[in-house]
Amino acid sequence: MATGKVCILGGTGFVGHAIAARLSASDYDTRVLTRAFARHRDLTVLPGCVLIEGNVHDPAFLQQQFKGVDVVINLVGILNERGHSGAGFEHAHVDLPAKITTVCRHVGVPRLLHMSALGAAPKAPSFYLRTKARGEDAAHGAAPDVRVTSFRPSVIFGPRDDFTNRFARLLRLVPGVFPLACPDAKFQPVYVENVARAFVDAIGKTSSYGQRYDLCGPTVYRLRDLVSYLAALQNRHVRVIGLNATLSRLQATLLEYVPGKPFSLDNYRSLSLDSVCTGANSLRAVFGIEPTPLEQIAPAYLTAL
């Protein structure tokens, strides 16, 4: 017998795959909403997981999919937008959570789990972090009709991530010198499976209602040290050259116009704020999860690139 019914927005992404797999293993019936069914059919091999194509920004579609659901999980987020105005961040991080909370109230969804970001704050330096904060507040605005929990992870790592894998690919292309913007920015990388477990464990955890949890790994790294570690894993003899603030900003300005936008001014602004847990790490303190070290996981998937 199924444990309950869950609907995931953003479930086809890196974190979504991990959460969907854990929900399946815990006997939840899970529906994952997607814009492109054909690209994500691999999720349908998970027992109890159904992939549904549609526009998550359409309230009528959301209303149809949320009916009879016990839990909605919102993982939708973007690291960069097509333009430079902040409208893309606003659309994904603020407008969508507002629609989700409205529909949850309307159809009677009792539980909402929301993905935010460490450092999200109304006066944060980047569009990304400011809109993440507003979206988080929008999600919690569903209370008391909906029991809400939000999560603020540092950078998330794992075999499908877009952080360690992106740097690893770049390191394979450079001729021996790697110019690195914001080299002293600090991160506390958290393993995707730890994050997925926290999400699933929170579903029935009444003490998590209304809470906002910071999620971090066990170690704080400077960006330059992380990149050097990734180079060593691949036996790449690369000298990491840290750029000063002026050159870092210049690099961001130039790369913002490269196809795929590998680095942007908004990314640069986000990196001005360290992504580390300043208080208790909720993984251990709240969920009893021992954070997994990057060094325990990364060698298995990065040395194979």
Protein backbone atom coordinates (compact mmCIF):
# COMPACT_ATOMS: atom_id res chain seq x y z
CA MET A 1 0.00 0.00 0.00
CA ALA A 2 1.36 3.42 -0.97
CA THR A 3 2.62 5.68 1.81
CA GLY A 4 1.04 8.75 0.19
CA LYS A 5 0.86 10.82 -2.98
CA VAL A 6 3.55 13.35 -3.84
CA CYS A 7 3.78 15.82 -6.72
CA ILE A 8 7.21 17.22 -7.61
CA LEU A 9 7.92 20.35 -9.63
CA GLY A 10 11.50 20.44 -10.86
CA GLY A 11 11.73 16.71 -10.32
CA THR A 12 13.58 16.01 -13.56
CA GLY A 13 16.68 17.82 -12.35
CA PHE A 14 19.69 16.59 -10.42
CA VAL A 15 18.16 16.87 -6.94
CA GLY A 16 14.73 15.83 -8.21
CA HIS A 17 16.04 12.48 -9.44
CA ALA A 18 17.47 11.72 -6.01
CA ILE A 19 14.27 12.71 -4.21
CA ALA A 20 12.06 10.78 -6.64
CA ALA A 21 14.19 7.66 -6.18
CA ARG A 22 14.01 7.94 -2.39
CA LEU A 23 10.23 8.50 -2.50
CA SER A 24 9.86 5.43 -4.70
CA ALA A 25 11.93 3.34 -2.29
CA SER A 26 9.67 4.57 0.53
CA ASP A 27 6.52 3.45 -1.35
CA TYR A 28 5.17 6.88 -2.24
CA ASP A 29 3.12 7.35 -5.38
CA THR A 30 4.97 10.15 -7.13
CA ARG A 31 4.03 12.32 -10.08
CA VAL A 32 6.78 14.43 -11.62
CA LEU A 33 5.73 17.40 -13.71
CA THR A 34 7.85 18.20 -16.78
CA ARG A 35 7.83 20.30 -19.92
CA ALA A 36 9.45 17.50 -21.95
CA PHE A 37 8.32 13.92 -21.27
CA ALA A 38 10.58 12.36 -23.90
CA ARG A 39 13.78 13.77 -22.37
CA HIS A 40 13.13 12.35 -18.90
CA ARG A 41 11.55 8.95 -19.48
CA ASP A 42 14.25 7.36 -17.30
CA LEU A 43 12.23 8.43 -14.25
CA THR A 44 9.37 6.14 -15.26
CA VAL A 45 11.43 3.06 -14.32
CA LEU A 46 11.02 4.03 -10.66
CA PRO A 47 8.17 2.05 -9.08
CA GLY A 48 5.21 4.32 -8.37
CA CYS A 49 6.66 7.25 -10.35
CA VAL A 50 4.62 8.84 -13.14
CA LEU A 51 5.91 11.56 -15.48
CA ILE A 52 3.34 14.14 -16.58
CA GLU A 53 3.96 16.72 -19.30
CA GLY A 54 2.60 20.22 -18.91
CA ASN A 55 3.30 23.85 -18.07
CA VAL A 56 3.90 24.27 -14.34
CA HIS A 57 3.28 28.00 -14.65
CA ASP A 58 -0.33 27.31 -15.70
CA PRO A 59 -2.54 27.40 -12.56
CA ALA A 60 -5.18 25.21 -14.27
CA PHE A 61 -2.58 22.52 -14.91
CA LEU A 62 -1.32 22.74 -11.33
CA GLN A 63 -4.86 22.50 -9.97
CA GLN A 64 -5.45 19.35 -11.99
CA GLN A 65 -2.22 17.73 -10.83
CA PHE A 66 -2.46 18.76 -7.16
CA LYS A 67 -5.91 17.24 -6.59
CA GLY A 68 -5.74 14.35 -4.15
CA VAL A 69 -2.03 14.94 -3.45
CA ASP A 70 -0.68 14.73 0.10
CA VAL A 71 2.60 16.56 -0.51
CA VAL A 72 3.87 19.06 -3.09
CA ILE A 73 7.62 19.50 -3.48
CA ASN A 74 8.93 22.55 -5.36
CA LEU A 75 12.51 22.26 -6.60
CA VAL A 76 12.30 24.69 -9.51
CA GLY A 77 15.24 27.05 -9.75
CA ILE A 78 17.61 28.63 -12.25
CA LEU A 79 21.21 29.75 -11.80
CA ASN A 80 21.13 32.12 -14.77
CA GLU A 81 18.50 33.83 -16.87
CA ARG A 82 18.48 34.59 -20.58
CA GLY A 83 18.48 38.36 -20.14
CA HIS A 84 19.95 40.68 -17.55
CA SER A 85 16.92 42.29 -15.91
CA GLY A 86 16.15 39.74 -13.21
CA ALA A 87 12.79 38.92 -14.81
CA GLY A 88 13.78 35.29 -15.39
CA PHE A 89 14.67 34.83 -11.72
CA GLU A 90 11.44 36.56 -10.73
CA HIS A 91 9.39 34.23 -12.93
CA ALA A 92 11.00 31.01 -11.65
CA HIS A 93 11.70 31.86 -8.01
CA VAL A 94 8.87 34.22 -7.00
CA ASP A 95 5.90 33.95 -9.36
CA LEU A 96 5.88 30.14 -9.40
CA PRO A 97 5.95 29.62 -5.60
CA ALA A 98 3.12 32.16 -5.30
CA LYS A 99 1.05 30.16 -7.80
CA ILE A 100 1.88 26.90 -6.05
CA THR A 101 0.76 28.16 -2.65
CA THR A 102 -2.48 29.56 -4.09
CA VAL A 103 -3.32 26.25 -5.77
CA CYS A 104 -2.30 24.21 -2.69
CA ARG A 105 -4.75 26.21 -0.61
CA HIS A 106 -7.48 25.96 -3.23
CA VAL A 107 -7.39 22.18 -3.65
CA GLY A 108 -6.47 21.38 -0.03
CA VAL A 109 -2.90 20.09 -0.31
CA PRO A 110 -1.82 19.74 3.34
CA ARG A 111 2.00 19.72 2.94
CA LEU A 112 4.53 21.76 0.94
CA LEU A 113 8.30 21.33 0.82
CA HIS A 114 10.22 24.13 -0.86
CA MET A 115 13.80 24.39 -2.12
CA SER A 116 15.47 27.71 -1.32
CA ALA A 117 19.19 28.54 -1.15
CA LEU A 118 21.75 29.25 1.53
CA GLY A 119 22.27 33.00 1.72
CA ALA A 120 18.83 33.85 0.38
CA ALA A 121 17.84 37.22 1.85
CA PRO A 122 15.86 40.30 0.78
CA LYS A 123 19.01 42.45 0.59
CA ALA A 124 21.36 39.80 -0.79
CA PRO A 125 23.77 40.97 -3.52
CA SER A 126 22.33 38.97 -6.44
CA PHE A 127 19.00 38.57 -8.23
CA TYR A 128 19.33 34.83 -7.60
CA LEU A 129 19.53 35.14 -3.82
CA ARG A 130 17.00 37.96 -3.49
CA THR A 131 14.36 36.16 -5.55
CA LYS A 132 15.05 32.90 -3.72
CA ALA A 133 14.29 34.73 -0.47
CA ARG A 134 11.03 36.14 -1.81
CA GLY A 135 10.00 32.75 -3.14
CA GLU A 136 10.73 31.16 0.21
CA ASP A 137 8.54 33.75 1.92
CA ALA A 138 5.80 33.13 -0.65
CA ALA A 139 5.88 29.41 0.13
CA HIS A 140 5.62 30.02 3.87
CA GLY A 141 2.78 32.40 3.18
CA ALA A 142 0.59 29.33 2.59
CA ALA A 143 0.49 28.68 6.36
CA PRO A 144 -1.57 27.90 8.33
CA ASP A 145 -3.67 26.23 5.61
CA VAL A 146 -0.60 24.37 4.34
CA ARG A 147 2.19 23.00 6.51
CA VAL A 148 5.39 24.32 4.91
CA THR A 149 9.06 23.45 5.30
CA SER A 150 11.85 25.05 3.28
CA PHE A 151 15.46 24.02 2.78
CA ARG A 152 18.50 26.22 2.17
CA PRO A 153 21.40 24.09 0.95
CA SER A 154 24.91 25.20 0.13
CA VAL A 155 26.16 24.00 -3.26
CA ILE A 156 24.96 20.42 -3.82
CA PHE A 157 27.34 17.80 -5.20
CA GLY A 158 26.88 14.34 -6.67
CA PRO A 159 27.30 12.37 -9.91
CA ARG A 160 24.80 14.50 -11.85
CA ASP A 161 25.63 17.93 -10.40
CA ASP A 162 26.38 21.06 -12.40
CA PHE A 163 29.07 22.32 -10.03
CA THR A 164 31.90 19.81 -9.63
CA ASN A 165 31.21 18.34 -13.08
CA ARG A 166 31.32 21.73 -14.79
CA PHE A 167 34.68 22.63 -13.24
CA ALA A 168 36.00 19.15 -14.02
CA ARG A 169 35.09 19.55 -17.70
CA LEU A 170 36.65 23.03 -17.84
CA LEU A 171 39.84 21.73 -16.25
CA ARG A 172 40.16 19.14 -19.01
CA LEU A 173 40.14 21.94 -21.60
CA VAL A 174 42.66 24.35 -20.12
CA PRO A 175 46.33 24.21 -21.22
CA GLY A 176 47.84 24.35 -17.74
CA VAL A 177 46.66 27.61 -16.20
CA PHE A 178 43.14 28.12 -14.88
CA PRO A 179 42.10 31.76 -14.22
CA LEU A 180 39.54 31.55 -11.42
CA ALA A 181 37.13 34.31 -10.45
CA CYS A 182 36.30 34.83 -6.77
CA PRO A 183 38.92 32.29 -5.63
CA ASP A 184 38.36 32.93 -1.92
CA ALA A 185 34.58 32.46 -1.99
CA LYS A 186 33.64 29.84 0.58
CA PHE A 187 31.32 26.86 0.19
CA GLN A 188 30.21 23.98 2.37
CA PRO A 189 29.20 21.40 -0.29
CA VAL A 190 26.39 19.04 0.68
CA TYR A 191 25.81 15.60 -0.82
CA VAL A 192 22.66 15.23 -2.89
CA GLU A 193 21.59 12.05 -1.11
CA ASN A 194 21.77 13.84 2.25
CA VAL A 195 19.51 16.57 0.86
CA ALA A 196 17.07 14.05 -0.62
CA ARG A 197 16.83 12.18 2.67
CA ALA A 198 16.13 15.43 4.56
CA PHE A 199 13.28 16.25 2.17
CA VAL A 200 11.66 12.83 2.44
CA ASP A 201 12.18 12.54 6.21
CA ALA A 202 10.59 15.98 6.69
CA ILE A 203 7.29 14.90 5.13
CA GLY A 204 5.97 13.31 8.30
CA LYS A 205 8.10 15.24 10.78
CA THR A 206 5.63 17.51 12.56
CA SER A 207 8.39 19.49 14.27
CA SER A 208 9.56 20.65 10.83
CA TYR A 209 6.32 22.48 10.06
CA GLY A 210 7.03 26.16 9.44
CA GLN A 211 10.80 25.67 9.66
CA ARG A 212 13.56 26.87 7.34
CA TYR A 213 16.60 24.60 7.40
CA ASP A 214 20.21 25.33 6.38
CA LEU A 215 21.84 22.24 4.86
CA CYS A 216 25.62 21.91 4.62
CA GLY A 217 28.32 19.31 4.28
CA PRO A 218 30.98 18.70 6.93
CA THR A 219 33.74 20.90 5.46
CA VAL A 220 34.16 24.53 4.41
CA TYR A 221 36.31 25.07 1.30
CA ARG A 222 37.59 28.08 -0.58
CA LEU A 223 36.69 27.88 -4.26
CA ARG A 224 40.38 27.78 -5.24
CA ASP A 225 40.91 24.74 -3.00
CA LEU A 226 37.90 22.94 -4.47
CA VAL A 227 39.08 23.52 -8.02
CA SER A 228 42.61 22.39 -7.14
CA TYR A 229 41.16 19.22 -5.58
CA LEU A 230 39.10 18.51 -8.71
CA ALA A 231 42.21 18.96 -10.86
CA ALA A 232 44.15 16.53 -8.68
CA LEU A 233 41.38 13.94 -8.96
CA GLN A 234 41.77 13.98 -12.71
CA ASN A 235 45.58 14.04 -12.63
CA ARG A 236 45.49 17.43 -14.30
CA HIS A 237 48.59 19.50 -13.62
CA VAL A 238 46.86 22.85 -13.64
CA ARG A 239 47.92 26.01 -11.88
CA VAL A 240 44.89 27.80 -10.46
CA ILE A 241 45.37 31.57 -10.74
CA GLY A 242 43.01 33.47 -8.48
CA LEU A 243 41.66 36.68 -10.03
CA ASN A 244 41.19 39.85 -8.00
CA ALA A 245 37.79 41.54 -7.73
CA THR A 246 38.28 43.70 -10.84
CA LEU A 247 39.40 40.80 -13.04
CA SER A 248 36.73 38.52 -11.59
CA ARG A 249 34.06 41.02 -12.54
CA LEU A 250 35.57 41.41 -16.00
CA GLN A 251 35.57 37.63 -16.51
CA ALA A 252 31.91 37.49 -15.47
CA THR A 253 31.04 40.34 -17.83
CA LEU A 254 32.67 38.56 -20.78
CA LEU A 255 31.40 35.05 -20.05
CA GLU A 256 27.86 36.35 -19.61
CA TYR A 257 27.70 36.62 -23.42
CA VAL A 258 29.20 33.20 -24.15
CA PRO A 259 26.61 30.59 -25.29
CA GLY A 260 25.34 28.72 -22.26
CA LYS A 261 26.41 31.59 -19.98
CA PRO A 262 28.97 29.59 -17.95
CA PHE A 263 29.50 32.53 -15.58
CA SER A 264 27.55 35.75 -15.18
CA LEU A 265 27.58 39.00 -13.26
CA ASP A 266 24.79 37.67 -11.11
CA ASN A 267 26.89 34.57 -10.31
CA TYR A 268 29.75 36.92 -9.44
CA ARG A 269 27.52 38.85 -7.05
CA SER A 270 26.30 35.62 -5.43
CA LEU A 271 29.91 34.57 -4.84
CA SER A 272 30.51 37.73 -2.81
CA LEU A 273 28.54 36.02 -0.04
CA ASP A 274 29.99 32.85 1.52
CA SER A 275 27.71 29.81 1.19
CA VAL A 276 28.36 28.27 4.61
CA CYS A 277 26.26 27.33 7.62
CA THR A 278 26.78 29.88 10.39
CA GLY A 279 24.63 28.08 12.94
CA ALA A 280 23.78 24.45 13.56
CA ASN A 281 23.87 22.22 10.49
CA SER A 282 20.28 21.01 10.25
CA LEU A 283 21.26 17.71 8.63
CA ARG A 284 22.81 16.51 11.85
CA ALA A 285 20.92 18.60 14.42
CA VAL A 286 17.39 18.04 13.09
CA PHE A 287 17.40 14.98 10.86
CA GLY A 288 20.16 12.93 12.46
CA ILE A 289 22.00 12.68 9.12
CA GLU A 290 25.78 12.59 9.26
CA PRO A 291 26.90 14.86 6.39
CA THR A 292 28.84 12.96 3.74
CA PRO A 293 32.30 14.33 2.85
CA LEU A 294 32.94 15.39 -0.74
CA GLU A 295 36.12 13.31 -0.73
CA GLN A 296 34.08 10.17 -0.06
CA ILE A 297 31.92 10.56 -3.17
CA ALA A 298 33.61 12.72 -5.80
CA PRO A 299 36.45 10.35 -6.79
CA ALA A 300 33.98 7.71 -7.97
CA TYR A 301 32.34 9.93 -10.57
CA LEU A 302 34.96 12.54 -11.44
CA THR A 303 37.89 10.24 -12.19
CA ALA A 304 35.64 8.49 -14.73
CA LEU A 305 35.11 11.67 -16.81
